[in-house]
């Protein structure tokens, strides 16, 4: 069989049984290592738009030369018998071949399920941004979504812990905006426009820190991302776009609005600067407004929910209801309690 994604393959192996099949993936990274016995082996990171795995290929394996010759960024199909081993995911009896141009294009856009989820998330981002009443923040959101749409939609939200995939930034941003909207309903005194705008912009600097090439499945490290970081970059993006949307005509119209335009910009910058919640986690300033606290917790909650989803999908099962800890979650993961069944709606 041909698995639609790496995640589908790893889910198949979750019961501990080997499975015959083919994965299509990009060689994201390839390193030559030496084992304790002095024998060389390859450590190959294979990635698709949804996830990645690390594969150890020993020199004695017949397909070792093919992967040794393959360059990073090459997309390949690997067929064999896959299993979980003491070294992680392993494959035996494998054959390796490069993907055709059509297969490579299909790989880049991801599984049908991922495509549908990301399409829905993008539409929700547009819809929620469209509900912002403050014309200054509405104009800023429109500028971001039009200027950086392609870059935004292909970037990741992180490198490892959550939404670490092509399009992950879009998924995470939609989740934070949904969560922020719900919190604003619970606390109606909150400035909803400001929180939703902050949710859209909070990780926009990751378009450079965790960006993908237009036709690639690897997340390169860049001088810009490493030397500045996404919070500093997000602040720069806001100020740059703000200058563009504040035309002379708009500035005159916005003088009639309250609160003053400069206060709006300042509070939005504070949300981006403080959204990690504490200095030790990289924020240059701690949250100091109700909206900043709401955004911080919405961001953290969406990230934790994605970490749990990943743990339920592929962490080793320790017992019927317990799966092994997945960093940075604080402990092993317990299966959630299902909702009640067998109860009539009128009795619920």
C-alpha atoms as a PDB file:
ATOM      1  CA  UNK A   1       0.000   0.000   0.000  1.00  0.00           C
ATOM      2  CA  UNK A   2       0.987   3.638  -0.424  1.00  0.00           C
ATOM      3  CA  UNK A   3       0.553   5.666   2.745  1.00  0.00           C
ATOM      4  CA  UNK A   4      -0.785   9.149   2.163  1.00  0.00           C
ATOM      5  CA  UNK A   5       1.458  10.593   4.865  1.00  0.00           C
ATOM      6  CA  UNK A   6       4.207   9.716   7.330  1.00  0.00           C
ATOM      7  CA  UNK A   7       1.686  10.191  10.138  1.00  0.00           C
ATOM      8  CA  UNK A   8      -0.588   7.584   8.554  1.00  0.00           C
ATOM      9  CA  UNK A   9       2.317   5.156   8.454  1.00  0.00           C
ATOM     10  CA  UNK A  10       3.366   5.753  12.077  1.00  0.00           C
ATOM     11  CA  UNK A  11      -0.245   5.360  13.209  1.00  0.00           C
ATOM     12  CA  UNK A  12      -0.332   1.990  11.457  1.00  0.00           C
ATOM     13  CA  UNK A  13       2.721   0.906  13.468  1.00  0.00           C
ATOM     14  CA  UNK A  14       1.326   2.083  16.815  1.00  0.00           C
ATOM     15  CA  UNK A  15       0.150  -1.423  17.706  1.00  0.00           C
ATOM     16  CA  UNK A  16       3.724  -2.705  17.503  1.00  0.00           C
ATOM     17  CA  UNK A  17       3.171  -4.796  14.377  1.00  0.00           C
ATOM     18  CA  UNK A  18       5.278  -4.317  11.202  1.00  0.00           C
ATOM     19  CA  UNK A  19       3.561  -3.203   7.996  1.00  0.00           C
ATOM     20  CA  UNK A  20       4.469  -3.343   4.305  1.00  0.00           C
ATOM     21  CA  UNK A  21       4.038  -0.089   2.418  1.00  0.00           C
ATOM     22  CA  UNK A  22       5.451   2.966   0.659  1.00  0.00           C
ATOM     23  CA  UNK A  23       6.034   6.467   1.970  1.00  0.00           C
ATOM     24  CA  UNK A  24       6.737   9.507  -0.170  1.00  0.00           C
ATOM     25  CA  UNK A  25       8.893  12.123   1.511  1.00  0.00           C
ATOM     26  CA  UNK A  26      11.573  14.755   1.102  1.00  0.00           C
ATOM     27  CA  UNK A  27      15.088  14.125   2.428  1.00  0.00           C
ATOM     28  CA  UNK A  28      15.130  17.055   4.818  1.00  0.00           C
ATOM     29  CA  UNK A  29      18.530  16.261   6.323  1.00  0.00           C
ATOM     30  CA  UNK A  30      21.170  13.589   5.839  1.00  0.00           C
ATOM     31  CA  UNK A  31      24.170  13.078   8.139  1.00  0.00           C
ATOM     32  CA  UNK A  32      26.945  10.506   8.032  1.00  0.00           C
ATOM     33  CA  UNK A  33      27.453   9.026  11.508  1.00  0.00           C
ATOM     34  CA  UNK A  34      29.755   6.437  13.013  1.00  0.00           C
ATOM     35  CA  UNK A  35      28.477   3.680  15.305  1.00  0.00           C
ATOM     36  CA  UNK A  36      30.325   2.516  18.415  1.00  0.00           C
ATOM     37  CA  UNK A  37      31.797  -0.366  16.438  1.00  0.00           C
ATOM     38  CA  UNK A  38      33.312   2.107  13.981  1.00  0.00           C
ATOM     39  CA  UNK A  39      30.901   1.298  11.160  1.00  0.00           C
ATOM     40  CA  UNK A  40      29.334   4.225   9.261  1.00  0.00           C
ATOM     41  CA  UNK A  41      25.605   4.759   8.966  1.00  0.00           C
ATOM     42  CA  UNK A  42      23.308   7.448   7.615  1.00  0.00           C
ATOM     43  CA  UNK A  43      20.898   9.416   9.765  1.00  0.00           C
ATOM     44  CA  UNK A  44      18.184  10.532   7.360  1.00  0.00           C
ATOM     45  CA  UNK A  45      15.350  12.887   8.271  1.00  0.00           C
ATOM     46  CA  UNK A  46      12.359  12.299   5.994  1.00  0.00           C
ATOM     47  CA  UNK A  47       9.627  14.938   5.904  1.00  0.00           C
ATOM     48  CA  UNK A  48       6.241  15.526   4.352  1.00  0.00           C
ATOM     49  CA  UNK A  49       3.939  18.520   4.915  1.00  0.00           C
ATOM     50  CA  UNK A  50       2.467  16.944   8.052  1.00  0.00           C
ATOM     51  CA  UNK A  51       5.333  15.353   9.965  1.00  0.00           C
ATOM     52  CA  UNK A  52       8.781  13.809   9.796  1.00  0.00           C
ATOM     53  CA  UNK A  53      10.731  10.759  10.953  1.00  0.00           C
ATOM     54  CA  UNK A  54      14.391   9.994  11.562  1.00  0.00           C
ATOM     55  CA  UNK A  55      15.652   6.887   9.790  1.00  0.00           C
ATOM     56  CA  UNK A  56      18.961   5.152  10.528  1.00  0.00           C
ATOM     57  CA  UNK A  57      20.393   3.415   7.462  1.00  0.00           C
ATOM     58  CA  UNK A  58      23.270   1.044   8.170  1.00  0.00           C
ATOM     59  CA  UNK A  59      26.133   0.507   5.722  1.00  0.00           C
ATOM     60  CA  UNK A  60      25.219  -3.176   5.328  1.00  0.00           C
ATOM     61  CA  UNK A  61      21.737  -2.397   4.010  1.00  0.00           C
ATOM     62  CA  UNK A  62      21.371  -2.880   0.226  1.00  0.00           C
ATOM     63  CA  UNK A  63      19.677   0.506  -0.201  1.00  0.00           C
ATOM     64  CA  UNK A  64      22.427   2.392   1.682  1.00  0.00           C
ATOM     65  CA  UNK A  65      24.235   3.487  -1.556  1.00  0.00           C
ATOM     66  CA  UNK A  66      21.035   4.969  -3.024  1.00  0.00           C
ATOM     67  CA  UNK A  67      20.422   7.163   0.005  1.00  0.00           C
ATOM     68  CA  UNK A  68      24.119   7.995   0.280  1.00  0.00           C
ATOM     69  CA  UNK A  69      24.020   9.396  -3.279  1.00  0.00           C
ATOM     70  CA  UNK A  70      20.714  11.249  -2.822  1.00  0.00           C
ATOM     71  CA  UNK A  71      21.025  14.945  -2.044  1.00  0.00           C
ATOM     72  CA  UNK A  72      19.116  16.854   0.599  1.00  0.00           C
ATOM     73  CA  UNK A  73      15.830  18.304  -0.702  1.00  0.00           C
ATOM     74  CA  UNK A  74      15.434  15.248  -2.979  1.00  0.00           C
ATOM     75  CA  UNK A  75      11.958  13.727  -2.841  1.00  0.00           C
ATOM     76  CA  UNK A  76      11.870   9.928  -2.778  1.00  0.00           C
ATOM     77  CA  UNK A  77       9.537   6.954  -2.486  1.00  0.00           C
ATOM     78  CA  UNK A  78      10.710   4.258  -0.056  1.00  0.00           C
ATOM     79  CA  UNK A  79       8.949   0.901  -0.101  1.00  0.00           C
ATOM     80  CA  UNK A  80       9.571  -1.816   2.455  1.00  0.00           C
ATOM     81  CA  UNK A  81       8.480  -3.422   5.696  1.00  0.00           C
ATOM     82  CA  UNK A  82       8.251  -0.758   8.385  1.00  0.00           C
ATOM     83  CA  UNK A  83       8.394  -1.323  12.142  1.00  0.00           C
ATOM     84  CA  UNK A  84       9.142   0.335  15.471  1.00  0.00           C
ATOM     85  CA  UNK A  85      12.567  -0.718  16.761  1.00  0.00           C
ATOM     86  CA  UNK A  86      14.967   0.228  19.538  1.00  0.00           C
ATOM     87  CA  UNK A  87      16.355   2.856  17.150  1.00  0.00           C
ATOM     88  CA  UNK A  88      12.936   4.317  16.283  1.00  0.00           C
ATOM     89  CA  UNK A  89      11.192   3.746  12.950  1.00  0.00           C
ATOM     90  CA  UNK A  90      13.030   1.123  10.890  1.00  0.00           C
ATOM     91  CA  UNK A  91      12.526  -0.374   7.422  1.00  0.00           C
ATOM     92  CA  UNK A  92      13.715  -3.639   5.898  1.00  0.00           C
ATOM     93  CA  UNK A  93      13.744  -4.968   2.349  1.00  0.00           C
ATOM     94  CA  UNK A  94      13.502  -1.404   1.096  1.00  0.00           C
ATOM     95  CA  UNK A  95      13.645   0.004  -2.416  1.00  0.00           C
ATOM     96  CA  UNK A  96      14.310   3.701  -3.015  1.00  0.00           C
ATOM     97  CA  UNK A  97      13.490   5.796  -6.075  1.00  0.00           C
ATOM     98  CA  UNK A  98      13.129   9.527  -6.831  1.00  0.00           C
ATOM     99  CA  UNK A  99       9.613  10.888  -7.196  1.00  0.00           C
ATOM    100  CA  UNK A 100       8.230  11.911 -10.563  1.00  0.00           C
ATOM    101  CA  UNK A 101       7.385  15.638 -10.982  1.00  0.00           C
ATOM    102  CA  UNK A 102       3.687  14.835 -10.528  1.00  0.00           C
ATOM    103  CA  UNK A 103       4.327  12.825  -7.353  1.00  0.00           C
ATOM    104  CA  UNK A 104       6.529  15.626  -5.995  1.00  0.00           C
ATOM    105  CA  UNK A 105       3.796  18.212  -6.567  1.00  0.00           C
ATOM    106  CA  UNK A 106       1.289  15.972  -4.779  1.00  0.00           C
ATOM    107  CA  UNK A 107       3.708  15.506  -1.876  1.00  0.00           C
ATOM    108  CA  UNK A 108       4.202  19.251  -1.474  1.00  0.00           C
ATOM    109  CA  UNK A 109       0.505  20.034  -0.960  1.00  0.00           C
ATOM    110  CA  UNK A 110       0.040  17.231   1.568  1.00  0.00           C
ATOM    111  CA  UNK A 111      -2.667  14.695   2.312  1.00  0.00           C
ATOM    112  CA  UNK A 112      -6.293  15.372   1.451  1.00  0.00           C
ATOM    113  CA  UNK A 113      -7.117  15.628   5.166  1.00  0.00           C
ATOM    114  CA  UNK A 114      -4.332  18.164   5.770  1.00  0.00           C
ATOM    115  CA  UNK A 115      -5.352  20.187   2.723  1.00  0.00           C
ATOM    116  CA  UNK A 116      -8.954  20.378   3.903  1.00  0.00           C
ATOM    117  CA  UNK A 117      -7.965  21.331   7.439  1.00  0.00           C
ATOM    118  CA  UNK A 118      -5.589  24.067   6.298  1.00  0.00           C
ATOM    119  CA  UNK A 119      -8.092  25.393   3.760  1.00  0.00           C
ATOM    120  CA  UNK A 120     -10.721  25.642   6.504  1.00  0.00           C
ATOM    121  CA  UNK A 121      -8.257  27.339   8.859  1.00  0.00           C
ATOM    122  CA  UNK A 122      -7.336  29.938   6.233  1.00  0.00           C
ATOM    123  CA  UNK A 123     -11.004  30.717   5.616  1.00  0.00           C
ATOM    124  CA  UNK A 124     -11.591  31.110   9.339  1.00  0.00           C
ATOM    125  CA  UNK A 125      -8.652  33.500   9.643  1.00  0.00           C
ATOM    126  CA  UNK A 126     -10.159  35.624   6.870  1.00  0.00           C
ATOM    127  CA  UNK A 127     -13.631  35.501   8.449  1.00  0.00           C
ATOM    128  CA  UNK A 128     -12.446  36.425  11.947  1.00  0.00           C
ATOM    129  CA  UNK A 129     -10.222  39.206  10.621  1.00  0.00           C
ATOM    130  CA  UNK A 130     -13.278  40.461   8.720  1.00  0.00           C
ATOM    131  CA  UNK A 131     -15.201  40.924  11.994  1.00  0.00           C
ATOM    132  CA  UNK A 132     -12.736  43.499  13.370  1.00  0.00           C
ATOM    133  CA  UNK A 133     -14.592  46.813  13.704  1.00  0.00           C
ATOM    134  CA  UNK A 134     -11.707  49.174  14.468  1.00  0.00           C
ATOM    135  CA  UNK A 135     -10.752  50.461  10.987  1.00  0.00           C
ATOM    136  CA  UNK A 136      -7.101  50.853  11.947  1.00  0.00           C
ATOM    137  CA  UNK A 137      -6.663  47.250  13.025  1.00  0.00           C
ATOM    138  CA  UNK A 138      -8.874  46.020  10.186  1.00  0.00           C
ATOM    139  CA  UNK A 139      -6.639  47.796   7.651  1.00  0.00           C
ATOM    140  CA  UNK A 140      -3.523  46.355   9.263  1.00  0.00           C
ATOM    141  CA  UNK A 141      -4.885  42.792   9.187  1.00  0.00           C
ATOM    142  CA  UNK A 142      -5.892  43.173   5.551  1.00  0.00           C
ATOM    143  CA  UNK A 143      -2.402  44.405   4.699  1.00  0.00           C
ATOM    144  CA  UNK A 144      -0.754  41.409   6.374  1.00  0.00           C
ATOM    145  CA  UNK A 145      -3.003  38.851   4.697  1.00  0.00           C
ATOM    146  CA  UNK A 146      -2.580  40.389   1.246  1.00  0.00           C
ATOM    147  CA  UNK A 147       1.132  41.210   1.425  1.00  0.00           C
ATOM    148  CA  UNK A 148       2.349  37.950   2.944  1.00  0.00           C
ATOM    149  CA  UNK A 149      -0.355  35.404   2.085  1.00  0.00           C
ATOM    150  CA  UNK A 150       1.886  32.865   0.335  1.00  0.00           C
ATOM    151  CA  UNK A 151       4.696  33.100   2.888  1.00  0.00           C
ATOM    152  CA  UNK A 152       2.211  32.980   5.792  1.00  0.00           C
ATOM    153  CA  UNK A 153       0.390  29.911   4.450  1.00  0.00           C
ATOM    154  CA  UNK A 154       3.549  27.824   3.983  1.00  0.00           C
ATOM    155  CA  UNK A 155       5.395  28.667   7.233  1.00  0.00           C
ATOM    156  CA  UNK A 156       5.513  26.553  10.385  1.00  0.00           C
ATOM    157  CA  UNK A 157       4.585  27.627  13.899  1.00  0.00           C
ATOM    158  CA  UNK A 158       7.596  25.913  15.497  1.00  0.00           C
ATOM    159  CA  UNK A 159      10.512  23.613  14.740  1.00  0.00           C
ATOM    160  CA  UNK A 160       9.543  20.681  16.927  1.00  0.00           C
ATOM    161  CA  UNK A 161       6.972  21.033  19.666  1.00  0.00           C
ATOM    162  CA  UNK A 162       3.762  22.019  17.887  1.00  0.00           C
ATOM    163  CA  UNK A 163       2.518  22.706  14.339  1.00  0.00           C
ATOM    164  CA  UNK A 164       6.065  22.031  13.114  1.00  0.00           C
ATOM    165  CA  UNK A 165       5.068  21.532   9.491  1.00  0.00           C
ATOM    166  CA  UNK A 166       4.445  23.402   6.278  1.00  0.00           C
ATOM    167  CA  UNK A 167       1.273  25.417   6.873  1.00  0.00           C
ATOM    168  CA  UNK A 168       1.506  24.965  10.642  1.00  0.00           C
ATOM    169  CA  UNK A 169       1.625  28.724  11.289  1.00  0.00           C
ATOM    170  CA  UNK A 170      -1.741  29.097   9.577  1.00  0.00           C
ATOM    171  CA  UNK A 171      -3.246  26.222  11.607  1.00  0.00           C
ATOM    172  CA  UNK A 172      -1.905  27.595  14.891  1.00  0.00           C
ATOM    173  CA  UNK A 173      -2.975  31.166  14.147  1.00  0.00           C
ATOM    174  CA  UNK A 174      -6.524  30.014  13.345  1.00  0.00           C
ATOM    175  CA  UNK A 175      -6.600  28.042  16.610  1.00  0.00           C
ATOM    176  CA  UNK A 176      -5.380  31.005  18.649  1.00  0.00           C
ATOM    177  CA  UNK A 177      -7.945  33.295  16.996  1.00  0.00           C
ATOM    178  CA  UNK A 178     -10.758  30.825  17.746  1.00  0.00           C
ATOM    179  CA  UNK A 179      -9.647  30.485  21.358  1.00  0.00           C
ATOM    180  CA  UNK A 180      -9.248  34.249  21.739  1.00  0.00           C
ATOM    181  CA  UNK A 181     -12.755  34.798  20.341  1.00  0.00           C
ATOM    182  CA  UNK A 182     -14.196  32.380  22.913  1.00  0.00           C
ATOM    183  CA  UNK A 183     -12.342  34.079  25.771  1.00  0.00           C
ATOM    184  CA  UNK A 184     -13.627  37.455  24.633  1.00  0.00           C
ATOM    185  CA  UNK A 185     -17.153  36.081  24.871  1.00  0.00           C
ATOM    186  CA  UNK A 186     -16.440  34.922  28.423  1.00  0.00           C
ATOM    187  CA  UNK A 187     -14.942  38.305  29.332  1.00  0.00           C
ATOM    188  CA  UNK A 188     -16.928  40.911  27.346  1.00  0.00           C
ATOM    189  CA  UNK A 189     -14.954  43.815  28.810  1.00  0.00           C
ATOM    190  CA  UNK A 190     -11.963  42.679  26.730  1.00  0.00           C
ATOM    191  CA  UNK A 191     -11.116  44.659  23.579  1.00  0.00           C
ATOM    192  CA  UNK A 192     -12.067  41.963  21.066  1.00  0.00           C
ATOM    193  CA  UNK A 193     -10.617  43.803  18.066  1.00  0.00           C
ATOM    194  CA  UNK A 194      -7.250  44.145  19.756  1.00  0.00           C
ATOM    195  CA  UNK A 195      -7.119  40.494  20.870  1.00  0.00           C
ATOM    196  CA  UNK A 196      -8.040  39.138  17.427  1.00  0.00           C
ATOM    197  CA  UNK A 197      -5.499  41.400  15.740  1.00  0.00           C
ATOM    198  CA  UNK A 198      -2.863  40.336  18.251  1.00  0.00           C
ATOM    199  CA  UNK A 199      -3.730  36.678  17.624  1.00  0.00           C
ATOM    200  CA  UNK A 200      -3.226  37.162  13.888  1.00  0.00           C
ATOM    201  CA  UNK A 201       0.102  38.960  14.329  1.00  0.00           C
ATOM    202  CA  UNK A 202       1.546  37.222  17.394  1.00  0.00           C
ATOM    203  CA  UNK A 203       3.693  34.723  15.470  1.00  0.00           C
ATOM    204  CA  UNK A 204       3.956  36.509  12.119  1.00  0.00           C
ATOM    205  CA  UNK A 205       7.730  36.792  12.593  1.00  0.00           C
ATOM    206  CA  UNK A 206       7.894  33.024  12.156  1.00  0.00           C
ATOM    207  CA  UNK A 207       7.444  33.591   8.437  1.00  0.00           C
ATOM    208  CA  UNK A 208      11.217  34.199   8.590  1.00  0.00           C
ATOM    209  CA  UNK A 209      12.168  32.164  11.652  1.00  0.00           C
ATOM    210  CA  UNK A 210      10.274  29.009  10.566  1.00  0.00           C
ATOM    211  CA  UNK A 211       9.726  29.630   6.877  1.00  0.00           C
ATOM    212  CA  UNK A 212       9.722  27.119   4.036  1.00  0.00           C
ATOM    213  CA  UNK A 213      10.958  27.659   0.508  1.00  0.00           C
ATOM    214  CA  UNK A 214       8.136  28.033  -1.991  1.00  0.00           C
ATOM    215  CA  UNK A 215       8.811  24.576  -3.425  1.00  0.00           C
ATOM    216  CA  UNK A 216      10.457  22.859  -0.466  1.00  0.00           C
ATOM    217  CA  UNK A 217       9.676  20.699   2.550  1.00  0.00           C
ATOM    218  CA  UNK A 218      12.616  21.699   4.725  1.00  0.00           C
ATOM    219  CA  UNK A 219      12.766  24.550   7.207  1.00  0.00           C
ATOM    220  CA  UNK A 220      16.170  26.236   6.796  1.00  0.00           C
ATOM    221  CA  UNK A 221      17.862  28.302   9.458  1.00  0.00           C
ATOM    222  CA  UNK A 222      18.372  31.915   8.391  1.00  0.00           C
ATOM    223  CA  UNK A 223      20.474  34.781   9.715  1.00  0.00           C
ATOM    224  CA  UNK A 224      17.326  36.899  10.038  1.00  0.00           C
ATOM    225  CA  UNK A 225      15.421  34.329  12.059  1.00  0.00           C
ATOM    226  CA  UNK A 226      18.329  33.378  14.288  1.00  0.00           C
ATOM    227  CA  UNK A 227      19.708  36.868  14.988  1.00  0.00           C
ATOM    228  CA  UNK A 228      16.367  38.598  15.584  1.00  0.00           C
ATOM    229  CA  UNK A 229      13.778  35.966  16.517  1.00  0.00           C
ATOM    230  CA  UNK A 230      10.088  36.001  15.689  1.00  0.00           C
ATOM    231  CA  UNK A 231       9.002  38.454  18.394  1.00  0.00           C
ATOM    232  CA  UNK A 232      11.386  41.166  17.196  1.00  0.00           C
ATOM    233  CA  UNK A 233      10.469  40.402  13.604  1.00  0.00           C
ATOM    234  CA  UNK A 234       6.749  40.570  14.424  1.00  0.00           C
ATOM    235  CA  UNK A 235       7.184  44.022  15.924  1.00  0.00           C
ATOM    236  CA  UNK A 236       9.055  45.106  12.796  1.00  0.00           C
ATOM    237  CA  UNK A 237       6.285  43.748  10.534  1.00  0.00           C
ATOM    238  CA  UNK A 238       3.613  45.675  12.451  1.00  0.00           C
ATOM    239  CA  UNK A 239       5.538  48.930  12.262  1.00  0.00           C
ATOM    240  CA  UNK A 240       6.295  48.460   8.564  1.00  0.00           C
ATOM    241  CA  UNK A 241       2.675  47.679   7.642  1.00  0.00           C
ATOM    242  CA  UNK A 242       1.389  50.419   9.933  1.00  0.00           C
ATOM    243  CA  UNK A 243       3.410  52.981   8.018  1.00  0.00           C
ATOM    244  CA  UNK A 244       1.879  51.715   4.787  1.00  0.00           C
ATOM    245  CA  UNK A 245      -1.766  51.764   5.912  1.00  0.00           C
ATOM    246  CA  UNK A 246      -1.561  55.153   7.629  1.00  0.00           C
ATOM    247  CA  UNK A 247      -2.075  57.214   4.496  1.00  0.00           C
ATOM    248  CA  UNK A 248      -2.654  60.943   4.833  1.00  0.00           C
ATOM    249  CA  UNK A 249      -6.373  60.520   4.145  1.00  0.00           C
ATOM    250  CA  UNK A 250      -6.767  57.729   6.663  1.00  0.00           C
ATOM    251  CA  UNK A 251      -4.777  59.614   9.256  1.00  0.00           C
ATOM    252  CA  UNK A 252      -7.224  62.494   9.051  1.00  0.00           C
ATOM    253  CA  UNK A 253     -10.198  60.144   9.332  1.00  0.00           C
ATOM    254  CA  UNK A 254      -8.657  58.276  12.247  1.00  0.00           C
ATOM    255  CA  UNK A 255      -8.059  61.492  14.215  1.00  0.00           C
ATOM    256  CA  UNK A 256     -11.780  61.403  15.026  1.00  0.00           C
ATOM    257  CA  UNK A 257     -11.527  57.954  16.601  1.00  0.00           C
ATOM    258  CA  UNK A 258     -10.981  57.033  20.210  1.00  0.00           C
ATOM    259  CA  UNK A 259      -8.685  55.675  21.582  1.00  0.00           C
ATOM    260  CA  UNK A 260      -5.933  57.570  19.728  1.00  0.00           C
ATOM    261  CA  UNK A 261      -4.274  55.752  16.839  1.00  0.00           C
ATOM    262  CA  UNK A 262      -0.832  55.755  18.447  1.00  0.00           C
ATOM    263  CA  UNK A 263      -2.279  54.027  21.537  1.00  0.00           C
ATOM    264  CA  UNK A 264      -3.767  51.317  19.313  1.00  0.00           C
ATOM    265  CA  UNK A 265      -0.381  50.647  17.725  1.00  0.00           C
ATOM    266  CA  UNK A 266       1.382  50.644  21.101  1.00  0.00           C
ATOM    267  CA  UNK A 267      -1.054  48.162  22.670  1.00  0.00           C
ATOM    268  CA  UNK A 268      -0.816  45.858  19.669  1.00  0.00           C
ATOM    269  CA  UNK A 269       2.971  45.904  19.878  1.00  0.00           C
ATOM    270  CA  UNK A 270       2.690  45.014  23.571  1.00  0.00           C
ATOM    271  CA  UNK A 271       0.599  41.944  22.738  1.00  0.00           C
ATOM    272  CA  UNK A 272       3.218  40.636  20.333  1.00  0.00           C
ATOM    273  CA  UNK A 273       6.091  41.502  22.681  1.00  0.00           C
ATOM    274  CA  UNK A 274       4.522  39.776  25.711  1.00  0.00           C
ATOM    275  CA  UNK A 275       2.735  36.768  24.236  1.00  0.00           C
ATOM    276  CA  UNK A 276       5.241  34.204  25.583  1.00  0.00           C
ATOM    277  CA  UNK A 277       4.096  35.272  29.037  1.00  0.00           C
ATOM    278  CA  UNK A 278       7.395  35.622  30.862  1.00  0.00           C
ATOM    279  CA  UNK A 279      10.934  36.867  30.385  1.00  0.00           C
ATOM    280  CA  UNK A 280      12.396  33.361  30.803  1.00  0.00           C
ATOM    281  CA  UNK A 281      10.450  32.152  27.761  1.00  0.00           C
ATOM    282  CA  UNK A 282      11.693  34.897  25.475  1.00  0.00           C
ATOM    283  CA  UNK A 283       9.249  37.779  25.850  1.00  0.00           C
ATOM    284  CA  UNK A 284      11.060  41.101  26.299  1.00  0.00           C
ATOM    285  CA  UNK A 285       8.199  42.245  28.543  1.00  0.00           C
ATOM    286  CA  UNK A 286       5.562  40.409  30.610  1.00  0.00           C
ATOM    287  CA  UNK A 287       1.808  40.817  29.899  1.00  0.00           C
ATOM    288  CA  UNK A 288       0.502  44.035  31.450  1.00  0.00           C
ATOM    289  CA  UNK A 289      -3.024  44.376  30.030  1.00  0.00           C
ATOM    290  CA  UNK A 290      -6.100  42.101  30.074  1.00  0.00           C
ATOM    291  CA  UNK A 291      -5.781  41.579  26.318  1.00  0.00           C
ATOM    292  CA  UNK A 292      -2.133  40.546  26.670  1.00  0.00           C
ATOM    293  CA  UNK A 293      -3.035  37.895  29.256  1.00  0.00           C
ATOM    294  CA  UNK A 294      -5.852  36.579  27.064  1.00  0.00           C
ATOM    295  CA  UNK A 295      -3.549  36.288  24.048  1.00  0.00           C
ATOM    296  CA  UNK A 296      -0.786  34.597  26.025  1.00  0.00           C
ATOM    297  CA  UNK A 297      -3.120  31.921  27.372  1.00  0.00           C
ATOM    298  CA  UNK A 298      -4.870  31.413  24.025  1.00  0.00           C
ATOM    299  CA  UNK A 299      -1.476  30.896  22.380  1.00  0.00           C
ATOM    300  CA  UNK A 300      -0.263  28.506  25.078  1.00  0.00           C
ATOM    301  CA  UNK A 301      -3.509  26.514  25.104  1.00  0.00           C
ATOM    302  CA  UNK A 302      -3.579  25.982  21.345  1.00  0.00           C
ATOM    303  CA  UNK A 303       0.049  24.834  21.392  1.00  0.00           C
ATOM    304  CA  UNK A 304      -0.649  22.381  24.248  1.00  0.00           C
ATOM    305  CA  UNK A 305      -3.703  20.937  22.468  1.00  0.00           C
ATOM    306  CA  UNK A 306      -1.565  20.260  19.389  1.00  0.00           C
ATOM    307  CA  UNK A 307       1.121  18.621  21.533  1.00  0.00           C
ATOM    308  CA  UNK A 308      -1.521  16.344  23.053  1.00  0.00           C
ATOM    309  CA  UNK A 309      -2.903  15.505  19.608  1.00  0.00           C
ATOM    310  CA  UNK A 310       0.571  14.507  18.490  1.00  0.00           C
ATOM    311  CA  UNK A 311       1.149  12.435  21.632  1.00  0.00           C
ATOM    312  CA  UNK A 312      -2.117  10.538  21.157  1.00  0.00           C
ATOM    313  CA  UNK A 313      -1.208   9.915  17.517  1.00  0.00           C
ATOM    314  CA  UNK A 314       2.329   8.572  17.810  1.00  0.00           C
ATOM    315  CA  UNK A 315       3.761   8.408  21.348  1.00  0.00           C
ATOM    316  CA  UNK A 316       4.500   4.831  22.489  1.00  0.00           C
ATOM    317  CA  UNK A 317       1.643   3.231  24.422  1.00  0.00           C
ATOM    318  CA  UNK A 318       2.596   2.311  27.998  1.00  0.00           C
ATOM    319  CA  UNK A 319      -0.771   0.806  28.945  1.00  0.00           C
ATOM    320  CA  UNK A 320      -4.342   0.801  27.684  1.00  0.00           C
ATOM    321  CA  UNK A 321      -4.930   4.443  28.579  1.00  0.00           C
ATOM    322  CA  UNK A 322      -1.418   5.855  29.000  1.00  0.00           C
ATOM    323  CA  UNK A 323       1.070   7.041  26.388  1.00  0.00           C
ATOM    324  CA  UNK A 324       4.681   8.061  26.930  1.00  0.00           C
ATOM    325  CA  UNK A 325       5.488  11.670  27.710  1.00  0.00           C
ATOM    326  CA  UNK A 326       6.041  13.931  24.712  1.00  0.00           C
ATOM    327  CA  UNK A 327       8.279  16.929  25.413  1.00  0.00           C
ATOM    328  CA  UNK A 328       7.657  19.567  26.607  1.00  0.00           C
ATOM    329  CA  UNK A 329       4.461  18.217  28.205  1.00  0.00           C
ATOM    330  CA  UNK A 330       5.029  17.732  31.953  1.00  0.00           C
ATOM    331  CA  UNK A 331       4.260  13.989  32.151  1.00  0.00           C
ATOM    332  CA  UNK A 332       2.919  10.883  30.469  1.00  0.00           C
ATOM    333  CA  UNK A 333      -0.335  11.438  28.596  1.00  0.00           C
ATOM    334  CA  UNK A 334      -3.600   9.857  29.727  1.00  0.00           C
ATOM    335  CA  UNK A 335      -6.427   9.147  27.309  1.00  0.00           C
ATOM    336  CA  UNK A 336      -9.222  11.737  27.581  1.00  0.00           C
ATOM    337  CA  UNK A 337     -12.594  10.813  29.050  1.00  0.00           C
ATOM    338  CA  UNK A 338     -15.183  10.364  26.268  1.00  0.00           C
ATOM    339  CA  UNK A 339     -18.426  12.330  26.394  1.00  0.00           C
ATOM    340  CA  UNK A 340     -21.413  10.523  27.848  1.00  0.00           C
ATOM    341  CA  UNK A 341     -23.437   8.326  25.506  1.00  0.00           C
ATOM    342  CA  UNK A 342     -26.821   6.635  25.869  1.00  0.00           C
ATOM    343  CA  UNK A 343     -28.452   9.763  27.270  1.00  0.00           C
ATOM    344  CA  UNK A 344     -31.375  11.402  25.477  1.00  0.00           C
ATOM    345  CA  UNK A 345     -30.835  15.053  24.530  1.00  0.00           C
ATOM    346  CA  UNK A 346     -33.742  16.121  26.755  1.00  0.00           C
ATOM    347  CA  UNK A 347     -32.067  14.434  29.753  1.00  0.00           C
ATOM    348  CA  UNK A 348     -28.596  15.842  29.110  1.00  0.00           C
END
